[in-house]
Amino acid sequence: MTREAIEQAAGNLADPNICKTDNWIAGARWVADRMYSESELRNAVEISVGIALGASRFIINEESFEKLKKI
């Protein structure tokens, strides 16, 4: 998420009577920093499933990965 998008969302959501926009921006950055990238998620799934199946290598197909992302 770009800084501009974060600031725009914060401006749209922050109620100046309750919370400063800077706090919304800081919170959004905190969440974004803790999110996994798609490649990190795919790698974790492939390793976990491979271990569970006792396989030396497991590669998830695109359709299955897209379904998993929606869960």
Foldseek 3Di string as FASTA:
>chain_A
DDLVVQLVVLVVPDDVVPDDSVVSSVVVVVVVVPDDDLVVVQVVVFVVVCVVVVHPGGHDDPVVSVVVVVD
